[in-house]
């Protein structure tokens, strides 16, 4: 089982426009509502790849039942630590050039008592989990060190994956992680340095290895991704597809990588699976809506190459 921990769920309002004109009236072409959060997207992605996932994290009394029903429809069981208030709303505007503009809400504050309850829940659930995935932002009232607390209570044989950035990622790395999945911007933010060349990116990944990661899967958007374990570096170029929305692509990548890791796949196969799922995600309009068929089609048409610095 792959256990995913969502700390800051959100209702994603994705709005498609011909163009986004600031200060003027804009007309909506398409609109979708998704009950989501980075780790919930991962859980759904695992289910769509015919794997077993289980979702936990923080949820809110006023509209949290909508998230439970959304997970139920995908065949994902869940249990949450419930809090007063409503789940936050995030707005994503996509124009006809697939340019994404996001406006994210901060959400409700979480008490220390509720934080302690989730730590205990993760400790218990991880005992029957092969992989623990924690991803996304933190709600108000929760310090970056919380990532460390959650990973620290994982069962000894549970593989650990983090998809976050900055102080949260650095805190998580202190526990030792089997895989981290930043994108370029997140990697630069975490290490506080500009990365211009592929060599710069790989050396930055090595820095995360030195800090406690066993593998770094670096998303490069439409250019594909890099993975390294410190001994071998691999690159996988994404194939050209019609891009409808980049929302959730990184979560799709984590879902497939988590399944590959669970199955004992080699480092290059983890990369190939991740790129296939990330690419499949961008072909549809919505948060995470790739199909197993689209994933299989793309997987069969991409290749991985080893490279050296």
Protein backbone atom coordinates (compact mmCIF):
# COMPACT_ATOMS: atom_id res chain seq x y z
CA UNK A 1 0.00 0.00 0.00
CA UNK A 2 1.09 3.57 -0.72
CA UNK A 3 0.14 5.96 2.08
CA UNK A 4 -0.21 9.63 1.08
CA UNK A 5 -0.38 12.46 3.61
CA UNK A 6 -2.15 15.66 2.54
CA UNK A 7 -1.45 18.52 4.93
CA UNK A 8 -3.16 21.37 3.08
CA UNK A 9 -6.11 20.22 0.91
CA UNK A 10 -7.79 22.64 -1.45
CA UNK A 11 -10.70 23.06 -3.79
CA UNK A 12 -9.07 23.79 -7.15
CA UNK A 13 -11.12 26.07 -9.37
CA UNK A 14 -9.51 25.72 -12.81
CA UNK A 15 -10.65 28.33 -15.33
CA UNK A 16 -9.79 28.21 -19.04
CA UNK A 17 -9.69 31.54 -20.92
CA UNK A 18 -8.65 32.73 -24.37
CA UNK A 19 -6.34 35.13 -22.57
CA UNK A 20 -6.03 36.59 -19.08
CA UNK A 21 -6.31 40.38 -19.24
CA UNK A 22 -5.56 42.02 -15.91
CA UNK A 23 -7.85 44.93 -15.10
CA UNK A 24 -10.43 43.94 -17.74
CA UNK A 25 -13.46 41.66 -18.03
CA UNK A 26 -12.48 38.09 -18.90
CA UNK A 27 -14.84 35.43 -20.27
CA UNK A 28 -14.66 31.80 -19.16
CA UNK A 29 -14.36 29.08 -21.83
CA UNK A 30 -14.28 26.14 -19.44
CA UNK A 31 -14.35 25.66 -15.68
CA UNK A 32 -13.73 22.65 -13.46
CA UNK A 33 -13.92 22.11 -9.72
CA UNK A 34 -11.52 19.57 -8.18
CA UNK A 35 -11.39 18.46 -4.56
CA UNK A 36 -7.71 17.96 -4.22
CA UNK A 37 -4.33 18.59 -2.64
CA UNK A 38 -0.90 17.39 -3.77
CA UNK A 39 -0.89 14.12 -1.80
CA UNK A 40 -4.55 13.41 -2.66
CA UNK A 41 -3.61 13.76 -6.33
CA UNK A 42 -0.84 11.22 -5.75
CA UNK A 43 -3.29 8.78 -4.17
CA UNK A 44 -5.66 9.14 -7.12
CA UNK A 45 -2.78 8.71 -9.57
CA UNK A 46 -1.74 5.47 -7.87
CA UNK A 47 -5.33 4.20 -8.08
CA UNK A 48 -5.53 5.05 -11.79
CA UNK A 49 -2.36 3.06 -12.34
CA UNK A 50 -4.14 0.11 -10.67
CA UNK A 51 -2.15 0.39 -7.46
CA UNK A 52 -3.35 0.47 -3.84
CA UNK A 53 -3.28 3.84 -2.11
CA UNK A 54 -4.61 5.18 1.17
CA UNK A 55 -5.10 8.90 1.87
CA UNK A 56 -4.77 10.70 5.18
CA UNK A 57 -4.00 14.20 6.42
CA UNK A 58 -5.94 17.21 7.66
CA UNK A 59 -9.55 17.82 6.60
CA UNK A 60 -12.25 20.37 7.47
CA UNK A 61 -15.79 19.97 8.78
CA UNK A 62 -17.74 22.30 6.50
CA UNK A 63 -16.91 20.80 3.10
CA UNK A 64 -14.51 17.92 3.73
CA UNK A 65 -17.16 15.33 2.84
CA UNK A 66 -16.80 16.44 -0.80
CA UNK A 67 -13.18 15.27 -0.69
CA UNK A 68 -14.15 11.93 0.84
CA UNK A 69 -16.66 11.35 -1.94
CA UNK A 70 -14.14 12.34 -4.63
CA UNK A 71 -11.66 9.80 -3.24
CA UNK A 72 -14.38 7.16 -2.96
CA UNK A 73 -15.19 7.59 -6.66
CA UNK A 74 -11.54 6.84 -7.45
CA UNK A 75 -11.45 3.81 -5.18
CA UNK A 76 -9.14 5.45 -2.63
CA UNK A 77 -9.91 4.73 1.06
CA UNK A 78 -9.19 7.57 3.48
CA UNK A 79 -9.15 8.67 7.08
CA UNK A 80 -8.49 12.23 8.22
CA UNK A 81 -7.87 14.39 11.26
CA UNK A 82 -10.86 16.73 11.19
CA UNK A 83 -10.71 20.46 11.92
CA UNK A 84 -13.21 23.29 12.14
CA UNK A 85 -13.77 25.56 9.14
CA UNK A 86 -13.64 25.11 5.36
CA UNK A 87 -11.06 23.74 2.95
CA UNK A 88 -9.28 26.61 1.17
CA UNK A 89 -9.90 27.50 -2.49
CA UNK A 90 -7.18 27.89 -5.12
CA UNK A 91 -7.80 29.52 -8.49
CA UNK A 92 -5.90 28.44 -11.61
CA UNK A 93 -6.25 30.46 -14.81
CA UNK A 94 -5.10 28.84 -18.07
CA UNK A 95 -4.97 30.78 -21.35
CA UNK A 96 -4.91 29.50 -24.94
CA UNK A 97 -1.10 29.25 -24.80
CA UNK A 98 -1.34 26.96 -21.75
CA UNK A 99 0.12 29.71 -19.57
CA UNK A 100 -0.85 29.03 -15.96
CA UNK A 101 -1.55 31.75 -13.39
CA UNK A 102 -2.36 30.66 -9.84
CA UNK A 103 -3.97 32.41 -6.88
CA UNK A 104 -3.75 30.27 -3.73
CA UNK A 105 -5.61 30.73 -0.46
CA UNK A 106 -3.84 30.14 2.88
CA UNK A 107 -6.57 28.11 4.60
CA UNK A 108 -7.44 27.52 8.24
CA UNK A 109 -5.02 27.19 11.15
CA UNK A 110 -4.26 23.77 12.69
CA UNK A 111 -3.88 23.37 16.46
CA UNK A 112 -0.97 21.53 18.09
CA UNK A 113 -3.43 18.91 19.38
CA UNK A 114 -4.60 18.12 15.85
CA UNK A 115 -1.00 18.03 14.62
CA UNK A 116 -0.15 15.46 17.30
CA UNK A 117 -3.17 13.35 16.28
CA UNK A 118 -1.96 13.18 12.68
CA UNK A 119 1.57 12.19 13.76
CA UNK A 120 0.07 9.27 15.70
CA UNK A 121 -2.16 8.34 12.77
CA UNK A 122 0.76 8.28 10.31
CA UNK A 123 2.83 6.18 12.73
CA UNK A 124 0.07 3.57 12.89
CA UNK A 125 -0.85 3.57 9.18
CA UNK A 126 2.77 3.34 8.05
CA UNK A 127 3.07 -0.07 9.75
CA UNK A 128 0.99 -1.56 6.93
CA UNK A 129 2.36 0.69 4.15
CA UNK A 130 5.16 -0.01 1.67
CA UNK A 131 5.61 3.66 0.77
CA UNK A 132 4.89 6.92 2.60
CA UNK A 133 4.41 10.03 0.44
CA UNK A 134 4.16 13.49 2.00
CA UNK A 135 3.80 16.39 -0.39
CA UNK A 136 2.61 19.95 -0.74
CA UNK A 137 2.38 23.06 1.37
CA UNK A 138 1.60 23.48 5.07
CA UNK A 139 -1.50 25.07 6.60
CA UNK A 140 -1.36 27.97 9.01
CA UNK A 141 -0.01 27.16 12.45
CA UNK A 142 2.20 24.30 11.20
CA UNK A 143 5.98 24.74 11.22
CA UNK A 144 8.32 23.40 8.53
CA UNK A 145 9.74 20.94 11.07
CA UNK A 146 6.42 19.08 10.90
CA UNK A 147 7.68 17.27 7.80
CA UNK A 148 10.49 15.92 9.97
CA UNK A 149 8.07 14.81 12.70
CA UNK A 150 5.88 12.88 10.27
CA UNK A 151 8.69 11.10 8.44
CA UNK A 152 10.42 10.31 11.75
CA UNK A 153 7.52 8.13 12.94
CA UNK A 154 7.34 6.04 9.75
CA UNK A 155 7.77 2.30 10.24
CA UNK A 156 11.41 1.17 9.69
CA UNK A 157 10.74 -0.70 6.43
CA UNK A 158 8.50 1.95 4.88
CA UNK A 159 10.01 3.77 1.88
CA UNK A 160 9.76 7.56 2.17
CA UNK A 161 9.07 10.13 -0.57
CA UNK A 162 8.86 13.91 -0.19
CA UNK A 163 7.61 16.41 -2.77
CA UNK A 164 8.07 19.84 -1.27
CA UNK A 165 10.64 22.63 -1.13
CA UNK A 166 12.63 25.02 1.02
CA UNK A 167 12.74 24.57 4.78
CA UNK A 168 10.12 21.80 4.60
CA UNK A 169 12.31 19.70 2.30
CA UNK A 170 15.44 20.35 4.34
CA UNK A 171 13.60 19.25 7.49
CA UNK A 172 12.36 16.09 5.80
CA UNK A 173 15.82 15.22 4.49
CA UNK A 174 17.14 15.01 8.04
CA UNK A 175 15.13 11.78 8.47
CA UNK A 176 16.65 10.10 5.39
CA UNK A 177 14.44 9.80 2.31
CA UNK A 178 14.29 7.23 -0.47
CA UNK A 179 13.18 9.77 -3.09
CA UNK A 180 12.59 13.50 -3.38
CA UNK A 181 10.95 15.16 -6.38
CA UNK A 182 11.57 18.88 -6.73
CA UNK A 183 11.19 20.85 -9.94
CA UNK A 184 13.83 23.34 -11.04
CA UNK A 185 12.29 26.34 -9.26
CA UNK A 186 11.84 24.35 -6.04
CA UNK A 187 15.43 23.11 -6.20
CA UNK A 188 16.72 26.67 -6.64
CA UNK A 189 14.54 27.89 -3.79
CA UNK A 190 15.70 25.10 -1.48
CA UNK A 191 19.41 25.65 -2.13
CA UNK A 192 19.13 29.43 -2.61
CA UNK A 193 21.14 29.45 -5.83
CA UNK A 194 20.51 29.97 -9.53
CA UNK A 195 20.95 26.85 -11.65
CA UNK A 196 21.62 27.54 -15.32
CA UNK A 197 23.08 24.40 -16.90
CA UNK A 198 22.35 20.68 -16.70
CA UNK A 199 25.60 20.23 -14.77
CA UNK A 200 24.42 22.88 -12.29
CA UNK A 201 21.16 20.97 -11.84
CA UNK A 202 22.85 17.61 -11.30
CA UNK A 203 25.31 19.03 -8.79
CA UNK A 204 22.39 20.60 -6.95
CA UNK A 205 20.72 17.18 -6.89
CA UNK A 206 23.95 15.77 -5.42
CA UNK A 207 23.63 18.35 -2.66
CA UNK A 208 20.22 16.89 -1.74
CA UNK A 209 21.78 13.42 -1.75
CA UNK A 210 24.40 14.67 0.70
CA UNK A 211 21.62 16.02 2.91
CA UNK A 212 19.81 12.68 3.19
CA UNK A 213 18.11 11.63 -0.07
CA UNK A 214 18.88 8.30 -1.77
CA UNK A 215 17.48 9.45 -5.12
CA UNK A 216 16.52 12.82 -6.57
CA UNK A 217 13.91 12.96 -9.33
CA UNK A 218 14.11 16.45 -10.86
CA UNK A 219 11.17 17.54 -12.98
CA UNK A 220 12.05 19.79 -15.93
CA UNK A 221 8.53 20.44 -17.21
CA UNK A 222 8.06 19.87 -20.94
CA UNK A 223 11.77 18.98 -21.24
CA UNK A 224 11.24 15.80 -19.19
CA UNK A 225 13.18 14.93 -16.05
CA UNK A 226 16.51 13.87 -14.54
CA UNK A 227 17.10 11.28 -11.84
CA UNK A 228 20.29 10.54 -9.94
CA UNK A 229 21.33 8.30 -7.07
CA UNK A 230 24.85 9.71 -6.91
CA UNK A 231 26.41 6.87 -8.90
CA UNK A 232 24.42 7.12 -12.12
CA UNK A 233 22.54 9.99 -13.76
CA UNK A 234 19.66 9.49 -16.19
CA UNK A 235 17.66 11.80 -18.43
CA UNK A 236 14.26 11.14 -19.98
CA UNK A 237 12.90 13.50 -22.61
CA UNK A 238 9.15 13.93 -22.69
CA UNK A 239 7.42 13.35 -26.01
CA UNK A 240 5.46 16.11 -27.73
CA UNK A 241 1.82 16.10 -26.70
CA UNK A 242 -1.02 18.61 -26.87
CA UNK A 243 -0.88 20.39 -23.51
CA UNK A 244 -4.25 21.22 -21.97
CA UNK A 245 -3.13 21.90 -18.40
CA UNK A 246 0.09 21.45 -16.44
CA UNK A 247 -1.83 21.33 -13.15
CA UNK A 248 -1.11 18.12 -11.26
CA UNK A 249 1.69 16.95 -13.56
CA UNK A 250 4.20 16.75 -10.72
CA UNK A 251 1.72 14.80 -8.61
CA UNK A 252 1.22 12.32 -11.43
CA UNK A 253 4.99 11.93 -11.65
CA UNK A 254 5.20 11.18 -7.91
CA UNK A 255 2.35 8.64 -8.13
CA UNK A 256 4.09 6.61 -10.83
CA UNK A 257 7.51 6.95 -9.16
CA UNK A 258 6.05 5.74 -5.86
CA UNK A 259 4.60 2.66 -7.53
CA UNK A 260 7.87 1.94 -9.31
CA UNK A 261 9.79 2.30 -6.05
CA UNK A 262 7.29 0.02 -4.30
CA UNK A 263 7.85 -2.62 -6.99
CA UNK A 264 11.64 -2.47 -6.63
CA UNK A 265 12.22 -0.87 -10.03
CA UNK A 266 15.64 0.35 -11.08
CA UNK A 267 16.49 4.04 -10.92
CA UNK A 268 16.08 4.55 -14.68
CA UNK A 269 12.69 2.80 -14.63
CA UNK A 270 11.50 5.07 -11.82
CA UNK A 271 12.36 8.00 -14.08
CA UNK A 272 10.60 6.54 -17.11
CA UNK A 273 7.44 5.81 -15.14
CA UNK A 274 7.42 9.30 -13.63
CA UNK A 275 7.84 11.09 -16.95
CA UNK A 276 5.12 8.95 -18.56
CA UNK A 277 2.60 9.83 -15.84
CA UNK A 278 3.55 13.51 -15.74
CA UNK A 279 3.21 13.78 -19.51
CA UNK A 280 -0.10 11.92 -19.52
CA UNK A 281 -1.46 14.35 -16.93
CA UNK A 282 -0.89 17.46 -19.07
CA UNK A 283 -2.93 16.08 -21.96
CA UNK A 284 -6.21 16.59 -20.13
CA UNK A 285 -7.94 19.60 -18.59
CA UNK A 286 -8.17 19.27 -14.83
CA UNK A 287 -6.05 18.61 -11.78
CA UNK A 288 -5.08 14.96 -12.16
CA UNK A 289 -6.98 13.13 -14.84
CA UNK A 290 -4.64 10.90 -16.79
CA UNK A 291 -5.80 7.44 -17.73
CA UNK A 292 -3.89 4.17 -17.51
CA UNK A 293 -4.26 3.85 -21.29
CA UNK A 294 -2.63 7.24 -21.95
CA UNK A 295 0.12 6.44 -19.46
CA UNK A 296 0.85 3.10 -21.17
CA UNK A 297 0.90 4.76 -24.60
CA UNK A 298 3.42 7.40 -23.52
CA UNK A 299 5.52 4.94 -21.50
CA UNK A 300 6.00 2.81 -24.61
CA UNK A 301 7.26 5.80 -26.60
CA UNK A 302 9.84 7.36 -24.28
CA UNK A 303 13.39 6.29 -23.60
CA UNK A 304 15.92 6.91 -20.85
CA UNK A 305 19.58 7.71 -21.43
CA UNK A 306 22.45 7.65 -18.97
CA UNK A 307 24.78 10.64 -18.89
CA UNK A 308 27.85 11.78 -16.98
CA UNK A 309 28.96 15.17 -15.76
